[in-house]
Amino acid sequence: MAAHLLTKTGKASGSAALGAEMEAQAIKPHLIHEVVTAEMAWRRAGTASTKTRSDVSGGGRKPWRQKGTGRARAGSNRSPIWTGGGVTFGPHPRSHGGKVNRKAYRQAFRSAIKAHVERGTIAVMKPTGWDAPSTKRAAEYLAKAPAALAARPLLVVVTESSSPEALSFRSMRDVNVLEARDIDTVDIMAGRSVLVEREVWDRWNGAAAPAADAEGDDA
């Protein structure tokens, strides 16, 4: 089992093997769900806030006497049932994140990558040698890539967001470019197809997974 290996022009040329740990990883949908849910919760700002009746200004004086007016009794015009009053059981700033064990997190990440490998929707990009950003060149690159990479949104994983490759792909529609250090399991799962720089792929799979190059002028 391996990922597509693309030449500097985008053509498929051989395959990029999985590392031993990645190869042995079983795909665990329940674990992916647990980690993705946690990651989405961590990304929530948690800043929603409301005022209770004790936080709202005013309301210190009893609106009218307890008896004799014919109205319902009221002790404050900042009661939750009054307009302008406090909010009952409203949200307050808090952290929505939970705890995920490191082992579970890593297994979920490997499972997400392995799922893309099984579907054939992940490819490894050799160094392109691009010296300047060019969206046209990036579009031509993807046009020559395997058909599975046509699925959108496409996630492009790079080492540096300022590289010509990153700047070229990020202008394209339905293409999300992220640095490897910023990638989470939720990002892998959000992409229907994934394009990874070779350096990143080797880092994910360890030195035990060298890319299997094919001979060719544009390799």
N, C-alpha and C. Protein backbone atom coordinates (compact mmCIF):
# COMPACT_ATOMS: atom_id res chain seq x y z
N MET A 1 0.84 -1.19 0.00
CA MET A 1 0.00 0.00 0.00
C MET A 1 0.88 1.25 0.00
N ALA A 2 0.58 2.17 -0.91
CA ALA A 2 1.42 3.36 -1.03
C ALA A 2 0.62 4.49 -1.63
N ALA A 3 1.18 5.69 -1.52
CA ALA A 3 0.54 6.88 -2.10
C ALA A 3 1.12 7.15 -3.48
N HIS A 4 0.38 7.89 -4.30
CA HIS A 4 0.90 8.28 -5.60
C HIS A 4 2.13 9.18 -5.40
N LEU A 5 3.11 9.00 -6.24
CA LEU A 5 4.28 9.88 -6.24
C LEU A 5 4.26 10.69 -7.53
N LEU A 6 4.27 12.00 -7.42
CA LEU A 6 4.16 12.87 -8.58
C LEU A 6 5.49 13.52 -8.92
N THR A 7 5.75 13.64 -10.21
CA THR A 7 6.96 14.31 -10.66
C THR A 7 6.80 15.81 -10.50
N LYS A 8 7.81 16.54 -10.88
CA LYS A 8 7.76 18.00 -10.73
C LYS A 8 6.76 18.66 -11.68
N THR A 9 6.25 17.87 -12.64
CA THR A 9 5.23 18.41 -13.55
C THR A 9 3.82 17.95 -13.18
N GLY A 10 3.72 17.03 -12.20
CA GLY A 10 2.42 16.57 -11.75
C GLY A 10 2.02 15.19 -12.21
N LYS A 11 2.81 14.57 -13.09
CA LYS A 11 2.48 13.23 -13.57
C LYS A 11 2.81 12.19 -12.51
N ALA A 12 1.98 11.13 -12.46
CA ALA A 12 2.25 10.03 -11.54
C ALA A 12 3.49 9.29 -11.99
N SER A 13 4.39 9.03 -11.04
CA SER A 13 5.64 8.38 -11.37
C SER A 13 6.09 7.55 -10.18
N GLY A 14 5.62 6.32 -10.11
CA GLY A 14 5.99 5.47 -8.99
C GLY A 14 5.07 5.70 -7.80
N SER A 15 5.56 5.30 -6.64
CA SER A 15 4.74 5.40 -5.43
C SER A 15 5.60 5.75 -4.23
N ALA A 16 4.95 6.30 -3.23
CA ALA A 16 5.62 6.65 -1.97
C ALA A 16 5.13 5.68 -0.91
N ALA A 17 6.03 4.84 -0.43
CA ALA A 17 5.65 3.79 0.51
C ALA A 17 5.32 4.34 1.88
N LEU A 18 4.55 3.55 2.62
CA LEU A 18 4.23 3.89 4.00
C LEU A 18 5.32 3.38 4.92
N GLY A 19 5.52 4.07 6.03
CA GLY A 19 6.44 3.60 7.05
C GLY A 19 5.85 2.39 7.75
N ALA A 20 6.67 1.68 8.50
CA ALA A 20 6.21 0.46 9.17
C ALA A 20 5.07 0.75 10.14
N GLU A 21 5.18 1.84 10.88
CA GLU A 21 4.14 2.19 11.86
C GLU A 21 2.85 2.57 11.16
N MET A 22 2.97 3.31 10.06
CA MET A 22 1.78 3.71 9.31
C MET A 22 1.15 2.50 8.62
N GLU A 23 1.97 1.62 8.11
CA GLU A 23 1.49 0.42 7.42
C GLU A 23 0.72 -0.48 8.38
N ALA A 24 1.19 -0.56 9.62
CA ALA A 24 0.56 -1.44 10.60
C ALA A 24 -0.69 -0.83 11.23
N GLN A 25 -0.90 0.44 11.00
CA GLN A 25 -2.04 1.13 11.63
C GLN A 25 -3.36 0.70 11.00
N ALA A 26 -4.26 0.20 11.84
CA ALA A 26 -5.60 -0.12 11.38
C ALA A 26 -6.44 1.15 11.37
N ILE A 27 -7.33 1.27 10.40
CA ILE A 27 -8.20 2.44 10.33
C ILE A 27 -9.28 2.31 11.40
N LYS A 28 -9.37 3.30 12.27
CA LYS A 28 -10.31 3.26 13.39
C LYS A 28 -11.26 4.46 13.31
N PRO A 29 -12.40 4.27 12.65
CA PRO A 29 -13.34 5.39 12.48
C PRO A 29 -13.81 6.00 13.80
N HIS A 30 -14.03 5.16 14.81
CA HIS A 30 -14.50 5.68 16.09
C HIS A 30 -13.47 6.59 16.73
N LEU A 31 -12.19 6.25 16.56
CA LEU A 31 -11.12 7.06 17.14
C LEU A 31 -10.96 8.37 16.36
N ILE A 32 -11.10 8.29 15.03
CA ILE A 32 -11.05 9.50 14.21
C ILE A 32 -12.17 10.45 14.64
N HIS A 33 -13.36 9.91 14.84
CA HIS A 33 -14.50 10.74 15.26
C HIS A 33 -14.23 11.40 16.60
N GLU A 34 -13.69 10.64 17.53
CA GLU A 34 -13.41 11.19 18.87
C GLU A 34 -12.41 12.34 18.80
N VAL A 35 -11.34 12.14 18.05
CA VAL A 35 -10.29 13.16 17.97
C VAL A 35 -10.77 14.38 17.17
N VAL A 36 -11.46 14.15 16.06
CA VAL A 36 -11.96 15.27 15.25
C VAL A 36 -12.94 16.12 16.06
N THR A 37 -13.81 15.46 16.81
CA THR A 37 -14.76 16.19 17.66
C THR A 37 -14.02 17.04 18.69
N ALA A 38 -12.98 16.47 19.29
CA ALA A 38 -12.19 17.21 20.28
C ALA A 38 -11.46 18.38 19.64
N GLU A 39 -10.89 18.17 18.46
CA GLU A 39 -10.15 19.24 17.79
C GLU A 39 -11.08 20.39 17.40
N MET A 40 -12.27 20.06 16.94
CA MET A 40 -13.23 21.11 16.60
C MET A 40 -13.66 21.89 17.85
N ALA A 41 -13.76 21.18 18.97
CA ALA A 41 -14.10 21.85 20.23
C ALA A 41 -12.97 22.77 20.68
N TRP A 42 -11.71 22.32 20.49
CA TRP A 42 -10.56 23.15 20.88
C TRP A 42 -10.52 24.44 20.07
N ARG A 43 -11.02 24.41 18.86
CA ARG A 43 -10.97 25.58 18.00
C ARG A 43 -12.07 26.60 18.32
N ARG A 44 -13.01 26.22 19.15
CA ARG A 44 -14.07 27.15 19.53
C ARG A 44 -13.50 28.24 20.43
N ALA A 45 -13.92 29.46 20.21
CA ALA A 45 -13.40 30.57 21.00
C ALA A 45 -13.88 30.50 22.44
N GLY A 46 -15.11 30.04 22.64
CA GLY A 46 -15.63 29.95 24.00
C GLY A 46 -15.83 31.30 24.66
N THR A 47 -16.13 32.33 23.87
CA THR A 47 -16.26 33.68 24.42
C THR A 47 -17.70 34.14 24.56
N ALA A 48 -18.67 33.29 24.19
CA ALA A 48 -20.08 33.67 24.32
C ALA A 48 -20.38 33.99 25.78
N SER A 49 -21.05 35.11 26.01
CA SER A 49 -21.29 35.54 27.39
C SER A 49 -22.62 36.26 27.52
N THR A 50 -23.30 36.03 28.62
CA THR A 50 -24.54 36.74 28.93
C THR A 50 -24.48 37.22 30.38
N LYS A 51 -25.37 38.14 30.72
CA LYS A 51 -25.41 38.66 32.09
C LYS A 51 -26.59 38.06 32.85
N THR A 52 -26.32 37.62 34.05
CA THR A 52 -27.39 37.15 34.92
C THR A 52 -28.06 38.36 35.57
N ARG A 53 -29.07 38.14 36.36
CA ARG A 53 -29.78 39.25 37.00
C ARG A 53 -28.88 40.02 37.96
N SER A 54 -27.85 39.35 38.46
CA SER A 54 -26.93 40.03 39.38
C SER A 54 -25.90 40.87 38.62
N ASP A 55 -25.71 40.60 37.31
CA ASP A 55 -24.74 41.34 36.51
C ASP A 55 -25.35 42.58 35.85
N VAL A 56 -26.67 42.55 35.60
CA VAL A 56 -27.33 43.65 34.91
C VAL A 56 -27.42 44.86 35.84
N SER A 57 -27.16 46.04 35.28
CA SER A 57 -27.23 47.25 36.10
C SER A 57 -28.67 47.63 36.41
N GLY A 58 -28.88 48.25 37.54
CA GLY A 58 -30.22 48.66 37.94
C GLY A 58 -30.93 47.57 38.72
N GLY A 59 -32.22 47.80 38.93
CA GLY A 59 -33.03 46.78 39.59
C GLY A 59 -32.93 46.76 41.10
N GLY A 60 -32.32 47.77 41.67
CA GLY A 60 -32.17 47.76 43.12
C GLY A 60 -33.44 48.14 43.87
N ARG A 61 -34.33 48.83 43.21
CA ARG A 61 -35.55 49.31 43.86
C ARG A 61 -36.74 48.44 43.46
N LYS A 62 -37.56 48.11 44.42
CA LYS A 62 -38.76 47.32 44.14
C LYS A 62 -39.70 48.16 43.27
N PRO A 63 -40.14 47.63 42.12
CA PRO A 63 -40.95 48.44 41.18
C PRO A 63 -42.22 49.01 41.80
N TRP A 64 -42.93 48.25 42.56
CA TRP A 64 -44.14 48.72 43.26
C TRP A 64 -44.32 47.90 44.53
N ARG A 65 -45.22 48.37 45.36
CA ARG A 65 -45.40 47.71 46.64
C ARG A 65 -45.92 46.29 46.44
N GLN A 66 -45.74 45.47 47.45
CA GLN A 66 -46.08 44.06 47.35
C GLN A 66 -47.57 43.83 47.14
N LYS A 67 -48.39 44.58 47.82
CA LYS A 67 -49.83 44.31 47.77
C LYS A 67 -50.63 45.56 47.42
N GLY A 68 -51.81 45.35 46.94
CA GLY A 68 -52.75 46.45 46.77
C GLY A 68 -52.80 47.07 45.38
N THR A 69 -51.90 46.70 44.48
CA THR A 69 -51.91 47.32 43.15
C THR A 69 -52.69 46.50 42.13
N GLY A 70 -52.93 45.24 42.42
CA GLY A 70 -53.59 44.36 41.46
C GLY A 70 -52.62 43.71 40.49
N ARG A 71 -51.39 44.16 40.49
CA ARG A 71 -50.37 43.57 39.60
C ARG A 71 -49.70 42.38 40.28
N ALA A 72 -49.02 41.60 39.45
CA ALA A 72 -48.23 40.51 40.01
C ALA A 72 -47.08 41.10 40.81
N ARG A 73 -46.73 40.44 41.88
CA ARG A 73 -45.66 40.94 42.72
C ARG A 73 -44.33 40.94 41.96
N ALA A 74 -43.51 41.90 42.22
CA ALA A 74 -42.21 42.02 41.56
C ALA A 74 -41.22 42.62 42.54
N GLY A 75 -40.03 42.05 42.57
CA GLY A 75 -39.01 42.57 43.47
C GLY A 75 -37.93 43.34 42.76
N SER A 76 -37.83 43.18 41.43
CA SER A 76 -36.78 43.87 40.68
C SER A 76 -37.18 43.95 39.22
N ASN A 77 -36.84 45.06 38.59
CA ASN A 77 -37.13 45.17 37.15
C ASN A 77 -36.01 44.57 36.31
N ARG A 78 -35.11 43.85 36.96
CA ARG A 78 -34.05 43.14 36.24
C ARG A 78 -34.22 41.62 36.36
N SER A 79 -35.42 41.22 36.74
CA SER A 79 -35.75 39.80 36.77
C SER A 79 -35.69 39.23 35.36
N PRO A 80 -35.34 37.96 35.18
CA PRO A 80 -35.26 37.36 33.84
C PRO A 80 -36.55 37.45 33.03
N ILE A 81 -37.69 37.61 33.69
CA ILE A 81 -38.95 37.67 32.94
C ILE A 81 -39.27 39.09 32.48
N TRP A 82 -38.44 40.05 32.86
CA TRP A 82 -38.63 41.44 32.43
C TRP A 82 -37.73 41.74 31.24
N THR A 83 -38.23 42.61 30.35
CA THR A 83 -37.38 43.09 29.25
C THR A 83 -36.22 43.88 29.84
N GLY A 84 -35.02 43.56 29.40
CA GLY A 84 -33.84 44.23 29.94
C GLY A 84 -33.31 43.55 31.18
N GLY A 85 -33.95 42.46 31.58
CA GLY A 85 -33.49 41.74 32.76
C GLY A 85 -32.36 40.78 32.44
N GLY A 86 -31.95 40.03 33.45
CA GLY A 86 -30.87 39.07 33.26
C GLY A 86 -31.30 37.88 32.43
N VAL A 87 -30.34 37.06 32.04
CA VAL A 87 -30.59 35.87 31.23
C VAL A 87 -30.45 34.64 32.12
N THR A 88 -31.44 33.76 32.03
CA THR A 88 -31.41 32.54 32.83
C THR A 88 -30.66 31.43 32.08
N PHE A 89 -29.69 30.85 32.73
CA PHE A 89 -28.91 29.74 32.18
C PHE A 89 -28.27 30.07 30.83
N GLY A 90 -27.85 31.32 30.66
CA GLY A 90 -27.19 31.72 29.41
C GLY A 90 -25.74 31.27 29.39
N PRO A 91 -25.09 31.37 28.22
CA PRO A 91 -23.68 30.93 28.11
C PRO A 91 -22.73 31.89 28.81
N HIS A 92 -21.63 31.34 29.26
CA HIS A 92 -20.56 32.13 29.88
C HIS A 92 -19.23 31.65 29.31
N PRO A 93 -18.21 32.51 29.29
CA PRO A 93 -16.91 32.09 28.73
C PRO A 93 -16.39 30.82 29.38
N ARG A 94 -15.99 29.88 28.54
CA ARG A 94 -15.45 28.61 29.05
C ARG A 94 -14.67 27.91 27.95
N SER A 95 -13.92 26.94 28.34
CA SER A 95 -13.18 26.12 27.39
C SER A 95 -14.02 24.91 27.01
N HIS A 96 -14.17 24.68 25.71
CA HIS A 96 -14.98 23.55 25.24
C HIS A 96 -14.13 22.30 25.03
N GLY A 97 -12.82 22.45 25.10
CA GLY A 97 -11.93 21.33 24.78
C GLY A 97 -11.94 20.25 25.84
N GLY A 98 -11.73 19.03 25.39
CA GLY A 98 -11.61 17.90 26.29
C GLY A 98 -10.21 17.33 26.22
N LYS A 99 -10.02 16.19 26.84
CA LYS A 99 -8.70 15.57 26.88
C LYS A 99 -8.65 14.40 25.90
N VAL A 100 -7.60 14.35 25.12
CA VAL A 100 -7.37 13.22 24.22
C VAL A 100 -5.97 12.69 24.51
N ASN A 101 -5.88 11.42 24.77
CA ASN A 101 -4.57 10.83 25.05
C ASN A 101 -3.67 10.94 23.83
N ARG A 102 -2.38 11.13 24.08
CA ARG A 102 -1.43 11.31 22.99
C ARG A 102 -1.42 10.10 22.05
N LYS A 103 -1.49 8.92 22.61
CA LYS A 103 -1.49 7.70 21.80
C LYS A 103 -2.72 7.66 20.89
N ALA A 104 -3.86 8.02 21.45
CA ALA A 104 -5.10 8.03 20.66
C ALA A 104 -5.03 9.08 19.56
N TYR A 105 -4.46 10.24 19.89
CA TYR A 105 -4.34 11.32 18.90
C TYR A 105 -3.49 10.86 17.72
N ARG A 106 -2.36 10.24 18.00
CA ARG A 106 -1.46 9.80 16.94
C ARG A 106 -2.09 8.69 16.10
N GLN A 107 -2.80 7.78 16.75
CA GLN A 107 -3.46 6.71 16.00
C GLN A 107 -4.55 7.27 15.09
N ALA A 108 -5.27 8.25 15.57
CA ALA A 108 -6.32 8.86 14.75
C ALA A 108 -5.71 9.57 13.54
N PHE A 109 -4.59 10.25 13.75
CA PHE A 109 -3.91 10.95 12.65
C PHE A 109 -3.44 9.95 11.59
N ARG A 110 -2.82 8.86 12.05
CA ARG A 110 -2.36 7.84 11.10
C ARG A 110 -3.54 7.17 10.41
N SER A 111 -4.63 6.96 11.14
CA SER A 111 -5.82 6.35 10.54
C SER A 111 -6.38 7.21 9.42
N ALA A 112 -6.38 8.53 9.63
CA ALA A 112 -6.91 9.44 8.62
C ALA A 112 -6.06 9.39 7.35
N ILE A 113 -4.74 9.37 7.52
CA ILE A 113 -3.85 9.28 6.36
C ILE A 113 -4.02 7.94 5.66
N LYS A 114 -4.09 6.87 6.46
CA LYS A 114 -4.23 5.53 5.90
C LYS A 114 -5.54 5.41 5.11
N ALA A 115 -6.59 6.06 5.58
CA ALA A 115 -7.87 6.02 4.86
C ALA A 115 -7.73 6.66 3.48
N HIS A 116 -7.00 7.77 3.40
CA HIS A 116 -6.78 8.42 2.11
C HIS A 116 -5.93 7.52 1.20
N VAL A 117 -4.96 6.85 1.78
CA VAL A 117 -4.10 5.96 0.98
C VAL A 117 -4.94 4.83 0.40
N GLU A 118 -5.82 4.25 1.20
CA GLU A 118 -6.67 3.15 0.72
C GLU A 118 -7.59 3.61 -0.41
N ARG A 119 -8.07 4.85 -0.32
CA ARG A 119 -8.96 5.37 -1.35
C ARG A 119 -8.20 5.89 -2.56
N GLY A 120 -6.90 6.03 -2.42
CA GLY A 120 -6.09 6.55 -3.53
C GLY A 120 -6.23 8.04 -3.71
N THR A 121 -6.62 8.75 -2.65
CA THR A 121 -6.85 10.19 -2.75
C THR A 121 -5.74 11.02 -2.11
N ILE A 122 -4.56 10.44 -1.97
CA ILE A 122 -3.43 11.18 -1.44
C ILE A 122 -2.23 10.99 -2.36
N ALA A 123 -1.49 12.05 -2.58
CA ALA A 123 -0.32 11.99 -3.46
C ALA A 123 0.83 12.76 -2.84
N VAL A 124 2.03 12.33 -3.19
CA VAL A 124 3.24 12.96 -2.67
C VAL A 124 3.90 13.75 -3.79
N MET A 125 4.23 14.98 -3.50
CA MET A 125 4.77 15.90 -4.50
C MET A 125 6.28 16.01 -4.36
N LYS A 126 6.99 15.65 -5.41
CA LYS A 126 8.44 15.86 -5.41
C LYS A 126 8.74 17.35 -5.49
N PRO A 127 9.95 17.76 -5.11
CA PRO A 127 10.32 19.18 -5.27
C PRO A 127 10.08 19.64 -6.70
N THR A 128 9.37 20.73 -6.86
CA THR A 128 9.01 21.20 -8.20
C THR A 128 10.06 22.09 -8.83
N GLY A 129 10.86 22.73 -8.01
CA GLY A 129 11.85 23.65 -8.55
C GLY A 129 11.28 24.97 -8.99
N TRP A 130 10.03 25.26 -8.61
CA TRP A 130 9.42 26.54 -8.98
C TRP A 130 10.17 27.68 -8.29
N ASP A 131 10.51 28.69 -9.05
CA ASP A 131 11.26 29.82 -8.48
C ASP A 131 10.36 31.02 -8.16
N ALA A 132 9.10 30.95 -8.60
CA ALA A 132 8.17 32.05 -8.34
C ALA A 132 6.74 31.50 -8.32
N PRO A 133 5.85 32.14 -7.57
CA PRO A 133 4.46 31.68 -7.52
C PRO A 133 3.78 31.80 -8.88
N SER A 134 2.95 30.82 -9.20
CA SER A 134 2.20 30.85 -10.45
C SER A 134 0.97 29.97 -10.30
N THR A 135 -0.19 30.59 -10.21
CA THR A 135 -1.42 29.83 -10.08
C THR A 135 -1.70 29.02 -11.35
N LYS A 136 -1.34 29.58 -12.49
CA LYS A 136 -1.52 28.87 -13.76
C LYS A 136 -0.70 27.58 -13.76
N ARG A 137 0.53 27.67 -13.29
CA ARG A 137 1.39 26.49 -13.25
C ARG A 137 0.82 25.45 -12.27
N ALA A 138 0.28 25.92 -11.16
CA ALA A 138 -0.32 25.00 -10.18
C ALA A 138 -1.53 24.29 -10.78
N ALA A 139 -2.33 25.02 -11.55
CA ALA A 139 -3.50 24.42 -12.19
C ALA A 139 -3.08 23.37 -13.21
N GLU A 140 -2.03 23.66 -13.96
CA GLU A 140 -1.52 22.70 -14.94
C GLU A 140 -0.96 21.47 -14.24
N TYR A 141 -0.35 21.68 -13.09
CA TYR A 141 0.20 20.58 -12.30
C TYR A 141 -0.92 19.62 -11.88
N LEU A 142 -2.01 20.18 -11.36
CA LEU A 142 -3.12 19.34 -10.91
C LEU A 142 -3.85 18.69 -12.07
N ALA A 143 -3.83 19.34 -13.23
CA ALA A 143 -4.50 18.77 -14.40
C ALA A 143 -3.81 17.48 -14.86
N LYS A 144 -2.52 17.37 -14.61
CA LYS A 144 -1.76 16.18 -15.00
C LYS A 144 -1.73 15.12 -13.90
N ALA A 145 -2.20 15.48 -12.71
CA ALA A 145 -2.17 14.56 -11.58
C ALA A 145 -3.24 13.48 -11.73
N PRO A 146 -3.15 12.39 -10.96
CA PRO A 146 -4.18 11.35 -11.01
C PRO A 146 -5.58 11.91 -10.79
N ALA A 147 -6.56 11.27 -11.41
CA ALA A 147 -7.94 11.77 -11.38
C ALA A 147 -8.48 11.89 -9.96
N ALA A 148 -7.98 11.05 -9.04
CA ALA A 148 -8.48 11.07 -7.66
C ALA A 148 -8.23 12.41 -6.99
N LEU A 149 -7.20 13.13 -7.44
CA LEU A 149 -6.88 14.42 -6.83
C LEU A 149 -7.81 15.53 -7.32
N ALA A 150 -8.72 15.20 -8.22
CA ALA A 150 -9.68 16.20 -8.69
C ALA A 150 -10.78 16.44 -7.67
N ALA A 151 -10.88 15.54 -6.68
CA ALA A 151 -11.90 15.69 -5.64
C ALA A 151 -11.60 16.94 -4.81
N ARG A 152 -12.61 17.74 -4.58
CA ARG A 152 -12.44 18.97 -3.81
C ARG A 152 -13.35 18.94 -2.57
N PRO A 153 -12.90 19.57 -1.49
CA PRO A 153 -11.70 20.40 -1.37
C PRO A 153 -10.42 19.59 -1.33
N LEU A 154 -9.35 20.22 -1.82
CA LEU A 154 -8.03 19.61 -1.83
C LEU A 154 -7.19 20.24 -0.73
N LEU A 155 -6.55 19.40 0.07
CA LEU A 155 -5.63 19.88 1.10
C LEU A 155 -4.21 19.74 0.60
N VAL A 156 -3.46 20.84 0.61
CA VAL A 156 -2.05 20.82 0.21
C VAL A 156 -1.21 21.07 1.46
N VAL A 157 -0.34 20.12 1.78
CA VAL A 157 0.48 20.21 2.99
C VAL A 157 1.91 20.55 2.58
N VAL A 158 2.40 21.67 3.08
CA VAL A 158 3.73 22.16 2.71
C VAL A 158 4.58 22.35 3.96
N THR A 159 5.88 22.52 3.75
CA THR A 159 6.78 22.78 4.87
C THR A 159 6.78 24.25 5.25
N GLU A 160 6.68 25.11 4.24
CA GLU A 160 6.68 26.55 4.48
C GLU A 160 5.55 27.22 3.70
N SER A 161 4.77 28.03 4.38
CA SER A 161 3.64 28.69 3.72
C SER A 161 4.07 29.80 2.78
N SER A 162 5.36 30.17 2.84
CA SER A 162 5.86 31.24 1.97
C SER A 162 6.56 30.69 0.73
N SER A 163 6.56 29.37 0.55
CA SER A 163 7.22 28.77 -0.61
C SER A 163 6.44 29.06 -1.88
N PRO A 164 7.09 29.03 -3.05
CA PRO A 164 6.37 29.27 -4.31
C PRO A 164 5.21 28.30 -4.52
N GLU A 165 5.40 27.05 -4.09
CA GLU A 165 4.33 26.06 -4.25
C GLU A 165 3.10 26.46 -3.42
N ALA A 166 3.34 26.83 -2.17
CA ALA A 166 2.23 27.20 -1.29
C ALA A 166 1.50 28.43 -1.82
N LEU A 167 2.25 29.42 -2.27
CA LEU A 167 1.65 30.65 -2.78
C LEU A 167 0.90 30.41 -4.09
N SER A 168 1.34 29.40 -4.85
CA SER A 168 0.68 29.09 -6.12
C SER A 168 -0.65 28.39 -5.89
N PHE A 169 -0.66 27.41 -5.01
CA PHE A 169 -1.88 26.62 -4.78
C PHE A 169 -2.93 27.37 -3.98
N ARG A 170 -2.52 28.27 -3.10
CA ARG A 170 -3.49 28.88 -2.19
C ARG A 170 -4.48 29.80 -2.89
N SER A 171 -4.16 30.24 -4.11
CA SER A 171 -5.07 31.12 -4.84
C SER A 171 -6.16 30.35 -5.58
N MET A 172 -6.06 29.02 -5.57
CA MET A 172 -7.02 28.22 -6.32
C MET A 172 -8.28 27.97 -5.50
N ARG A 173 -9.37 27.81 -6.21
CA ARG A 173 -10.66 27.59 -5.55
C ARG A 173 -10.71 26.19 -4.94
N ASP A 174 -11.28 26.11 -3.74
CA ASP A 174 -11.45 24.85 -3.02
C ASP A 174 -10.13 24.14 -2.75
N VAL A 175 -9.07 24.90 -2.59
CA VAL A 175 -7.76 24.34 -2.25
C VAL A 175 -7.31 25.00 -0.95
N ASN A 176 -7.01 24.18 0.04
CA ASN A 176 -6.59 24.68 1.35
C ASN A 176 -5.12 24.33 1.55
N VAL A 177 -4.28 25.33 1.76
CA VAL A 177 -2.84 25.13 1.93
C VAL A 177 -2.49 25.34 3.40
N LEU A 178 -1.86 24.33 4.00
CA LEU A 178 -1.47 24.42 5.41
C LEU A 178 -0.04 23.92 5.58
N GLU A 179 0.65 24.49 6.56
CA GLU A 179 1.98 23.99 6.91
C GLU A 179 1.82 22.69 7.69
N ALA A 180 2.81 21.81 7.57
CA ALA A 180 2.74 20.51 8.23
C ALA A 180 2.59 20.65 9.74
N ARG A 181 3.22 21.66 10.31
CA ARG A 181 3.16 21.82 11.77
C ARG A 181 1.78 22.26 12.25
N ASP A 182 0.93 22.71 11.34
CA ASP A 182 -0.41 23.16 11.71
C ASP A 182 -1.49 22.14 11.40
N ILE A 183 -1.10 20.98 10.91
CA ILE A 183 -2.07 19.98 10.47
C ILE A 183 -2.63 19.19 11.66
N ASP A 184 -3.93 19.02 11.67
CA ASP A 184 -4.60 18.16 12.64
C ASP A 184 -5.39 17.10 11.88
N THR A 185 -5.90 16.13 12.63
CA THR A 185 -6.71 15.07 12.01
C THR A 185 -7.93 15.64 11.31
N VAL A 186 -8.52 16.68 11.89
CA VAL A 186 -9.72 17.27 11.28
C VAL A 186 -9.40 17.88 9.92
N ASP A 187 -8.18 18.38 9.74
CA ASP A 187 -7.79 18.95 8.44
C ASP A 187 -7.64 17.84 7.39
N ILE A 188 -7.05 16.72 7.81
CA ILE A 188 -6.90 15.58 6.89
C ILE A 188 -8.27 15.07 6.45
N MET A 189 -9.20 14.98 7.39
CA MET A 189 -10.52 14.45 7.07
C MET A 189 -11.36 15.45 6.28
N ALA A 190 -11.08 16.74 6.45
CA ALA A 190 -11.86 17.76 5.73
C ALA A 190 -11.53 17.78 4.24
N GLY A 191 -10.32 17.34 3.89
CA GLY A 191 -9.94 17.30 2.48
C GLY A 191 -10.40 16.01 1.82
N ARG A 192 -11.09 16.13 0.69
CA ARG A 192 -11.49 14.93 -0.04
C ARG A 192 -10.31 14.34 -0.80
N SER A 193 -9.29 15.15 -1.00
CA SER A 193 -8.03 14.67 -1.57
C SER A 193 -6.90 15.46 -0.91
N VAL A 194 -5.71 14.86 -0.89
CA VAL A 194 -4.58 15.46 -0.17
C VAL A 194 -3.33 15.40 -1.04
N LEU A 195 -2.61 16.52 -1.09
CA LEU A 195 -1.33 16.60 -1.79
C LEU A 195 -0.27 17.00 -0.77
N VAL A 196 0.75 16.18 -0.62
CA VAL A 196 1.75 16.37 0.43
C VAL A 196 3.13 16.53 -0.18
N GLU A 197 3.90 17.49 0.32
CA GLU A 197 5.28 17.60 -0.12
C GLU A 197 6.06 16.38 0.35
N ARG A 198 7.03 15.98 -0.44
CA ARG A 198 7.77 14.77 -0.14
C ARG A 198 8.47 14.83 1.22
N GLU A 199 9.00 15.99 1.55
CA GLU A 199 9.68 16.14 2.84
C GLU A 199 8.72 15.88 4.00
N VAL A 200 7.49 16.36 3.86
CA VAL A 200 6.48 16.15 4.90
C VAL A 200 6.11 14.68 4.97
N TRP A 201 5.93 14.06 3.82
CA TRP A 201 5.57 12.63 3.78
C TRP A 201 6.64 11.79 4.47
N ASP A 202 7.89 12.04 4.18
CA ASP A 202 8.97 11.28 4.80
C ASP A 202 8.99 11.50 6.31
N ARG A 203 8.66 12.71 6.73
CA ARG A 203 8.64 13.01 8.16
C ARG A 203 7.49 12.25 8.83
N TRP A 204 6.35 12.18 8.16
CA TRP A 204 5.21 11.46 8.73
C TRP A 204 5.49 9.96 8.83
N ASN A 205 6.21 9.44 7.87
CA ASN A 205 6.42 8.00 7.80
C ASN A 205 7.77 7.55 8.34
N GLY A 206 8.65 8.48 8.64
CA GLY A 206 9.95 8.10 9.16
C GLY A 206 10.90 7.72 8.05
N ALA A 207 12.15 7.55 8.41
CA ALA A 207 13.19 7.23 7.43
C ALA A 207 12.98 5.88 6.78
N ALA A 208 12.11 5.04 7.40
CA ALA A 208 11.90 3.69 6.88
C ALA A 208 10.98 3.67 5.67
N ALA A 209 10.51 4.84 5.25
CA ALA A 209 9.58 4.87 4.11
C ALA A 209 10.08 5.78 3.01
N PRO A 210 11.17 5.40 2.33
CA PRO A 210 11.66 6.23 1.23
C PRO A 210 10.71 6.15 0.04
N ALA A 211 10.60 7.24 -0.68
CA ALA A 211 9.74 7.25 -1.86
C ALA A 211 10.38 6.43 -2.96
N ALA A 212 9.58 5.62 -3.64
CA ALA A 212 10.08 4.78 -4.73
C ALA A 212 10.02 5.56 -6.02
N ASP A 213 11.15 6.09 -6.45
CA ASP A 213 11.20 6.92 -7.65
C ASP A 213 11.10 6.07 -8.91
N ALA A 214 10.49 6.64 -9.93
CA ALA A 214 10.47 6.02 -11.25
C ALA A 214 11.35 6.85 -12.16
N GLU A 215 11.95 6.21 -13.10
CA GLU A 215 12.84 6.91 -14.01
C GLU A 215 12.04 7.78 -14.97
N GLY A 216 12.60 8.93 -15.32
CA GLY A 216 11.93 9.80 -16.27
C GLY A 216 12.63 11.14 -16.33
N ASP A 217 12.48 11.84 -17.44
CA ASP A 217 13.15 13.11 -17.60
C ASP A 217 12.63 14.16 -16.63
N ASP A 218 11.34 14.09 -16.31
CA ASP A 218 10.77 15.11 -15.44
C ASP A 218 10.65 14.63 -14.00
N ALA A 219 11.33 13.58 -13.65
CA ALA A 219 11.25 13.04 -12.30
C ALA A 219 11.94 13.94 -11.30
